[in-house]
PDB file of N, CA and C in Angstrom:
ATOM      1  N   MET A   1      93.633  93.253  85.019  1.00  0.00           N
ATOM      2  CA  MET A   1      92.365  93.203  85.737  1.00  0.00           C
ATOM      3  C   MET A   1      92.457  94.062  86.994  1.00  0.00           C
ATOM      4  N   ALA A   2      91.544  94.954  87.141  1.00  0.00           N
ATOM      5  CA  ALA A   2      91.517  95.830  88.302  1.00  0.00           C
ATOM      6  C   ALA A   2      90.933  95.095  89.505  1.00  0.00           C
ATOM      7  N   MET A   3      91.465  95.425  90.655  1.00  0.00           N
ATOM      8  CA  MET A   3      90.959  94.856  91.903  1.00  0.00           C
ATOM      9  C   MET A   3      90.043  95.869  92.571  1.00  0.00           C
ATOM     10  N   THR A   4      89.223  95.374  93.477  1.00  0.00           N
ATOM     11  CA  THR A   4      88.378  96.253  94.277  1.00  0.00           C
ATOM     12  C   THR A   4      88.883  96.250  95.710  1.00  0.00           C
ATOM     13  N   PRO A   5      88.568  97.293  96.466  1.00  0.00           N
ATOM     14  CA  PRO A   5      88.942  97.290  97.883  1.00  0.00           C
ATOM     15  C   PRO A   5      88.389  96.062  98.617  1.00  0.00           C
ATOM     16  N   GLN A   6      87.192  95.625  98.264  1.00  0.00           N
ATOM     17  CA  GLN A   6      86.592  94.463  98.932  1.00  0.00           C
ATOM     18  C   GLN A   6      87.401  93.195  98.664  1.00  0.00           C
ATOM     19  N   GLU A   7      87.898  93.028  97.456  1.00  0.00           N
ATOM     20  CA  GLU A   7      88.709  91.848  97.141  1.00  0.00           C
ATOM     21  C   GLU A   7      89.989  91.821  97.973  1.00  0.00           C
ATOM     22  N   ILE A   8      90.605  92.985  98.133  1.00  0.00           N
ATOM     23  CA  ILE A   8      91.816  93.069  98.945  1.00  0.00           C
ATOM     24  C   ILE A   8      91.492  92.752 100.391  1.00  0.00           C
ATOM     25  N   GLU A   9      90.419  93.334 100.904  1.00  0.00           N
ATOM     26  CA  GLU A   9      90.008  93.051 102.281  1.00  0.00           C
ATOM     27  C   GLU A   9      89.753  91.559 102.478  1.00  0.00           C
ATOM     28  N   ASP A  10      89.083  90.936 101.533  1.00  0.00           N
ATOM     29  CA  ASP A  10      88.782  89.508 101.650  1.00  0.00           C
ATOM     30  C   ASP A  10      90.056  88.670 101.714  1.00  0.00           C
ATOM     31  N   LEU A  11      91.054  89.011 100.916  1.00  0.00           N
ATOM     32  CA  LEU A  11      92.318  88.275 100.942  1.00  0.00           C
ATOM     33  C   LEU A  11      93.032  88.444 102.280  1.00  0.00           C
ATOM     34  N   ILE A  12      93.055  89.666 102.785  1.00  0.00           N
ATOM     35  CA  ILE A  12      93.703  89.919 104.082  1.00  0.00           C
ATOM     36  C   ILE A  12      92.950  89.196 105.187  1.00  0.00           C
ATOM     37  N   ARG A  13      91.627  89.197 105.112  1.00  0.00           N
ATOM     38  CA  ARG A  13      90.809  88.579 106.157  1.00  0.00           C
ATOM     39  C   ARG A  13      91.047  87.071 106.269  1.00  0.00           C
ATOM     40  N   THR A  14      91.499  86.421 105.201  1.00  0.00           N
ATOM     41  CA  THR A  14      91.780  84.984 105.292  1.00  0.00           C
ATOM     42  C   THR A  14      92.855  84.697 106.331  1.00  0.00           C
ATOM     43  N   ALA A  15      93.830  85.585 106.462  1.00  0.00           N
ATOM     44  CA  ALA A  15      94.914  85.396 107.431  1.00  0.00           C
ATOM     45  C   ALA A  15      94.639  86.106 108.754  1.00  0.00           C
ATOM     46  N   PHE A  16      93.811  87.120 108.725  1.00  0.00           N
ATOM     47  CA  PHE A  16      93.521  87.928 109.916  1.00  0.00           C
ATOM     48  C   PHE A  16      92.013  88.057 110.089  1.00  0.00           C
ATOM     49  N   PRO A  17      91.343  86.965 110.452  1.00  0.00           N
ATOM     50  CA  PRO A  17      89.873  86.959 110.473  1.00  0.00           C
ATOM     51  C   PRO A  17      89.241  87.923 111.466  1.00  0.00           C
ATOM     52  N   ASP A  18      89.958  88.284 112.531  1.00  0.00           N
ATOM     53  CA  ASP A  18      89.386  89.168 113.540  1.00  0.00           C
ATOM     54  C   ASP A  18      89.867  90.607 113.425  1.00  0.00           C
ATOM     55  N   ALA A  19      90.608  90.905 112.381  1.00  0.00           N
ATOM     56  CA  ALA A  19      91.193  92.236 112.220  1.00  0.00           C
ATOM     57  C   ALA A  19      90.147  93.280 111.852  1.00  0.00           C
ATOM     58  N   GLN A  20      90.460  94.512 112.218  1.00  0.00           N
ATOM     59  CA  GLN A  20      89.730  95.667 111.701  1.00  0.00           C
ATOM     60  C   GLN A  20      90.465  96.053 110.418  1.00  0.00           C
ATOM     61  N   ILE A  21      89.775  96.020 109.300  1.00  0.00           N
ATOM     62  CA  ILE A  21      90.406  96.272 108.003  1.00  0.00           C
ATOM     63  C   ILE A  21      89.624  97.338 107.266  1.00  0.00           C
ATOM     64  N   GLN A  22      90.346  98.322 106.764  1.00  0.00           N
ATOM     65  CA  GLN A  22      89.730  99.369 105.937  1.00  0.00           C
ATOM     66  C   GLN A  22      90.627  99.575 104.722  1.00  0.00           C
ATOM     67  N   ILE A  23      90.100  99.324 103.546  1.00  0.00           N
ATOM     68  CA  ILE A  23      90.839  99.494 102.298  1.00  0.00           C
ATOM     69  C   ILE A  23      90.114 100.514 101.435  1.00  0.00           C
ATOM     70  N   GLU A  24      90.861 101.455 100.881  1.00  0.00           N
ATOM     71  CA  GLU A  24      90.285 102.483 100.027  1.00  0.00           C
ATOM     72  C   GLU A  24      91.066 102.554  98.722  1.00  0.00           C
ATOM     73  N   GLY A  25      90.396 102.938  97.668  1.00  0.00           N
ATOM     74  CA  GLY A  25      91.032 103.128  96.377  1.00  0.00           C
ATOM     75  C   GLY A  25      89.990 103.014  95.292  1.00  0.00           C
ATOM     76  N   ALA A  26      89.966 103.978  94.402  1.00  0.00           N
ATOM     77  CA  ALA A  26      88.911 104.015  93.397  1.00  0.00           C
ATOM     78  C   ALA A  26      89.385 103.692  91.986  1.00  0.00           C
ATOM     79  N   ASP A  27      90.711 103.662  91.774  1.00  0.00           N
ATOM     80  CA  ASP A  27      91.182 103.481  90.402  1.00  0.00           C
ATOM     81  C   ASP A  27      91.500 102.032  90.041  1.00  0.00           C
ATOM     82  N   GLY A  28      91.339 101.113  91.004  1.00  0.00           N
ATOM     83  CA  GLY A  28      91.573  99.707  90.724  1.00  0.00           C
ATOM     84  C   GLY A  28      93.027  99.298  90.730  1.00  0.00           C
ATOM     85  N   VAL A  29      93.932 100.244  90.980  1.00  0.00           N
ATOM     86  CA  VAL A  29      95.361  99.952  90.944  1.00  0.00           C
ATOM     87  C   VAL A  29      96.077 100.440  92.202  1.00  0.00           C
ATOM     88  N   HIS A  30      95.744 101.625  92.661  1.00  0.00           N
ATOM     89  CA  HIS A  30      96.396 102.235  93.824  1.00  0.00           C
ATOM     90  C   HIS A  30      95.427 102.243  94.996  1.00  0.00           C
ATOM     91  N   PHE A  31      95.896 101.678  96.115  1.00  0.00           N
ATOM     92  CA  PHE A  31      95.035 101.546  97.288  1.00  0.00           C
ATOM     93  C   PHE A  31      95.774 102.006  98.535  1.00  0.00           C
ATOM     94  N   SER A  32      94.997 102.320  99.558  1.00  0.00           N
ATOM     95  CA  SER A  32      95.546 102.561 100.888  1.00  0.00           C
ATOM     96  C   SER A  32      94.721 101.735 101.861  1.00  0.00           C
ATOM     97  N   GLY A  33      95.355 101.343 102.948  1.00  0.00           N
ATOM     98  CA  GLY A  33      94.632 100.506 103.886  1.00  0.00           C
ATOM     99  C   GLY A  33      95.149 100.602 105.298  1.00  0.00           C
ATOM    100  N   VAL A  34      94.278 100.232 106.217  1.00  0.00           N
ATOM    101  CA  VAL A  34      94.606 100.149 107.633  1.00  0.00           C
ATOM    102  C   VAL A  34      94.200  98.755 108.093  1.00  0.00           C
ATOM    103  N   VAL A  35      95.127  98.072 108.768  1.00  0.00           N
ATOM    104  CA  VAL A  35      94.842  96.753 109.322  1.00  0.00           C
ATOM    105  C   VAL A  35      95.263  96.776 110.794  1.00  0.00           C
ATOM    106  N   ILE A  36      94.299  96.526 111.671  1.00  0.00           N
ATOM    107  CA  ILE A  36      94.538  96.501 113.115  1.00  0.00           C
ATOM    108  C   ILE A  36      94.216  95.101 113.598  1.00  0.00           C
ATOM    109  N   ASP A  37      95.224  94.434 114.186  1.00  0.00           N
ATOM    110  CA  ASP A  37      95.012  93.062 114.619  1.00  0.00           C
ATOM    111  C   ASP A  37      95.857  92.754 115.846  1.00  0.00           C
ATOM    112  N   GLU A  38      95.292  91.981 116.753  1.00  0.00           N
ATOM    113  CA  GLU A  38      95.985  91.604 117.983  1.00  0.00           C
ATOM    114  C   GLU A  38      97.271  90.830 117.703  1.00  0.00           C
ATOM    115  N   SER A  39      97.311  90.084 116.622  1.00  0.00           N
ATOM    116  CA  SER A  39      98.503  89.288 116.315  1.00  0.00           C
ATOM    117  C   SER A  39      99.728  90.158 116.035  1.00  0.00           C
ATOM    118  N   PHE A  40      99.540  91.454 115.815  1.00  0.00           N
ATOM    119  CA  PHE A  40     100.656  92.359 115.567  1.00  0.00           C
ATOM    120  C   PHE A  40     101.370  92.781 116.846  1.00  0.00           C
ATOM    121  N   ARG A  41     100.775  92.511 117.981  1.00  0.00           N
ATOM    122  CA  ARG A  41     101.383  92.925 119.246  1.00  0.00           C
ATOM    123  C   ARG A  41     102.774  92.302 119.384  1.00  0.00           C
ATOM    124  N   GLY A  42     103.754  93.136 119.655  1.00  0.00           N
ATOM    125  CA  GLY A  42     105.131  92.677 119.807  1.00  0.00           C
ATOM    126  C   GLY A  42     105.923  92.682 118.506  1.00  0.00           C
ATOM    127  N   MET A  43     105.256  92.903 117.378  1.00  0.00           N
ATOM    128  CA  MET A  43     105.945  92.991 116.086  1.00  0.00           C
ATOM    129  C   MET A  43     106.257  94.456 115.779  1.00  0.00           C
ATOM    130  N   ASN A  44     107.358  94.676 115.062  1.00  0.00           N
ATOM    131  CA  ASN A  44     107.598  96.031 114.581  1.00  0.00           C
ATOM    132  C   ASN A  44     106.780  96.250 113.309  1.00  0.00           C
ATOM    133  N   ARG A  45     106.742  97.478 112.813  1.00  0.00           N
ATOM    134  CA  ARG A  45     105.886  97.791 111.665  1.00  0.00           C
ATOM    135  C   ARG A  45     106.269  97.013 110.406  1.00  0.00           C
ATOM    136  N   VAL A  46     107.558  96.819 110.207  1.00  0.00           N
ATOM    137  CA  VAL A  46     107.995  96.071 109.023  1.00  0.00           C
ATOM    138  C   VAL A  46     107.465  94.637 109.095  1.00  0.00           C
ATOM    139  N   GLN A  47     107.560  94.008 110.241  1.00  0.00           N
ATOM    140  CA  GLN A  47     107.045  92.642 110.409  1.00  0.00           C
ATOM    141  C   GLN A  47     105.540  92.592 110.183  1.00  0.00           C
ATOM    142  N   GLN A  48     104.827  93.574 110.714  1.00  0.00           N
ATOM    143  CA  GLN A  48     103.380  93.630 110.544  1.00  0.00           C
ATOM    144  C   GLN A  48     103.013  93.756 109.070  1.00  0.00           C
ATOM    145  N   GLN A  49     103.675  94.668 108.381  1.00  0.00           N
ATOM    146  CA  GLN A  49     103.347  94.903 106.982  1.00  0.00           C
ATOM    147  C   GLN A  49     103.741  93.723 106.106  1.00  0.00           C
ATOM    148  N   ARG A  50     104.838  93.068 106.425  1.00  0.00           N
ATOM    149  CA  ARG A  50     105.223  91.872 105.674  1.00  0.00           C
ATOM    150  C   ARG A  50     104.182  90.770 105.846  1.00  0.00           C
ATOM    151  N   ALA A  51     103.642  90.641 107.057  1.00  0.00           N
ATOM    152  CA  ALA A  51     102.622  89.619 107.306  1.00  0.00           C
ATOM    153  C   ALA A  51     101.378  89.885 106.458  1.00  0.00           C
ATOM    154  N   VAL A  52     100.979  91.131 106.373  1.00  0.00           N
ATOM    155  CA  VAL A  52      99.803  91.479 105.559  1.00  0.00           C
ATOM    156  C   VAL A  52     100.108  91.298 104.077  1.00  0.00           C
ATOM    157  N   MET A  53     101.248  91.779 103.637  1.00  0.00           N
ATOM    158  CA  MET A  53     101.583  91.686 102.215  1.00  0.00           C
ATOM    159  C   MET A  53     101.749  90.242 101.758  1.00  0.00           C
ATOM    160  N   ALA A  54     102.110  89.348 102.669  1.00  0.00           N
ATOM    161  CA  ALA A  54     102.221  87.927 102.311  1.00  0.00           C
ATOM    162  C   ALA A  54     100.875  87.380 101.846  1.00  0.00           C
ATOM    163  N   THR A  55      99.791  87.921 102.377  1.00  0.00           N
ATOM    164  CA  THR A  55      98.457  87.463 101.969  1.00  0.00           C
ATOM    165  C   THR A  55      98.101  87.940 100.568  1.00  0.00           C
ATOM    166  N   LEU A  56      98.816  88.929 100.080  1.00  0.00           N
ATOM    167  CA  LEU A  56      98.527  89.534  98.782  1.00  0.00           C
ATOM    168  C   LEU A  56      99.592  89.227  97.739  1.00  0.00           C
ATOM    169  N   LYS A  57     100.549  88.403  98.084  1.00  0.00           N
ATOM    170  CA  LYS A  57     101.709  88.155  97.235  1.00  0.00           C
ATOM    171  C   LYS A  57     101.339  87.745  95.808  1.00  0.00           C
ATOM    172  N   SER A  58     100.418  86.845  95.648  1.00  0.00           N
ATOM    173  CA  SER A  58     100.079  86.392  94.293  1.00  0.00           C
ATOM    174  C   SER A  58      99.506  87.529  93.450  1.00  0.00           C
ATOM    175  N   LYS A  59      98.755  88.424  94.070  1.00  0.00           N
ATOM    176  CA  LYS A  59      98.166  89.554  93.339  1.00  0.00           C
ATOM    177  C   LYS A  59      99.231  90.594  92.979  1.00  0.00           C
ATOM    178  N   VAL A  60     100.202  90.790  93.872  1.00  0.00           N
ATOM    179  CA  VAL A  60     101.301  91.713  93.583  1.00  0.00           C
ATOM    180  C   VAL A  60     102.177  91.114  92.483  1.00  0.00           C
ATOM    181  N   ASP A  61     102.517  89.834  92.620  1.00  0.00           N
ATOM    182  CA  ASP A  61     103.374  89.171  91.627  1.00  0.00           C
ATOM    183  C   ASP A  61     102.751  89.165  90.236  1.00  0.00           C
ATOM    184  N   SER A  62     101.427  89.026  90.172  1.00  0.00           N
ATOM    185  CA  SER A  62     100.746  88.986  88.873  1.00  0.00           C
ATOM    186  C   SER A  62     100.533  90.380  88.283  1.00  0.00           C
ATOM    187  N   GLY A  63     100.724  91.411  89.102  1.00  0.00           N
ATOM    188  CA  GLY A  63     100.503  92.775  88.640  1.00  0.00           C
ATOM    189  C   GLY A  63      99.083  93.263  88.835  1.00  0.00           C
ATOM    190  N   GLU A  64      98.207  92.405  89.354  1.00  0.00           N
ATOM    191  CA  GLU A  64      96.823  92.836  89.596  1.00  0.00           C
ATOM    192  C   GLU A  64      96.759  93.926  90.654  1.00  0.00           C
ATOM    193  N   LEU A  65      97.644  93.829  91.631  1.00  0.00           N
ATOM    194  CA  LEU A  65      97.723  94.835  92.693  1.00  0.00           C
ATOM    195  C   LEU A  65      99.044  95.559  92.528  1.00  0.00           C
ATOM    196  N   HIS A  66      98.967  96.826  92.172  1.00  0.00           N
ATOM    197  CA  HIS A  66     100.176  97.591  91.878  1.00  0.00           C
ATOM    198  C   HIS A  66     100.715  98.298  93.113  1.00  0.00           C
ATOM    199  N   ALA A  67      99.857  98.921  93.889  1.00  0.00           N
ATOM    200  CA  ALA A  67     100.321  99.720  95.017  1.00  0.00           C
ATOM    201  C   ALA A  67      99.304  99.689  96.149  1.00  0.00           C
ATOM    202  N   LEU A  68      99.826  99.438  97.346  1.00  0.00           N
ATOM    203  CA  LEU A  68      98.998  99.462  98.551  1.00  0.00           C
ATOM    204  C   LEU A  68      99.783 100.146  99.652  1.00  0.00           C
ATOM    205  N   GLY A  69      99.392 101.374  99.976  1.00  0.00           N
ATOM    206  CA  GLY A  69      99.955 102.071 101.129  1.00  0.00           C
ATOM    207  C   GLY A  69      99.287 101.498 102.362  1.00  0.00           C
ATOM    208  N   LEU A  70     100.087 101.046 103.315  1.00  0.00           N
ATOM    209  CA  LEU A  70      99.544 100.246 104.404  1.00  0.00           C
ATOM    210  C   LEU A  70      99.945 100.807 105.762  1.00  0.00           C
ATOM    211  N   THR A  71      98.962 100.914 106.648  1.00  0.00           N
ATOM    212  CA  THR A  71      99.205 101.243 108.048  1.00  0.00           C
ATOM    213  C   THR A  71      98.742 100.031 108.849  1.00  0.00           C
ATOM    214  N   THR A  72      99.620  99.543 109.727  1.00  0.00           N
ATOM    215  CA  THR A  72      99.284  98.377 110.552  1.00  0.00           C
ATOM    216  C   THR A  72      99.594  98.703 112.010  1.00  0.00           C
ATOM    217  N   LYS A  73      98.825  98.075 112.911  1.00  0.00           N
ATOM    218  CA  LYS A  73      99.090  98.224 114.334  1.00  0.00           C
ATOM    219  C   LYS A  73      98.261  97.234 115.124  1.00  0.00           C
ATOM    220  N   ALA A  74      98.667  97.034 116.367  1.00  0.00           N
ATOM    221  CA  ALA A  74      97.876  96.234 117.300  1.00  0.00           C
ATOM    222  C   ALA A  74      96.810  97.152 117.902  1.00  0.00           C
ATOM    223  N   PRO A  75      95.705  96.592 118.357  1.00  0.00           N
ATOM    224  CA  PRO A  75      94.674  97.424 118.977  1.00  0.00           C
ATOM    225  C   PRO A  75      95.202  98.106 120.235  1.00  0.00           C
ATOM    226  N   GLU A  76      94.636  99.262 120.524  1.00  0.00           N
ATOM    227  CA  GLU A  76      95.049  99.993 121.722  1.00  0.00           C
ATOM    228  C   GLU A  76      94.338  99.489 122.941  1.00  0.00           C
TER     229      GLU A  76
END
């Protein structure tokens, strides 16, 4: 089952309700995204990306989400 960018955004938003989130991808399998959230302040990039990917774990484990290139940061 292919996912949509909106479905991915909705899953991320459950854990980061105030984040700026932009997800792109047209083939239903490969996506790229940017997540900017205040909760990332003081975290390194690996910690930030792990926090976001934790919200998507079930979709990655099931194979519904194959690839998500992710950029994360705290707001400037």
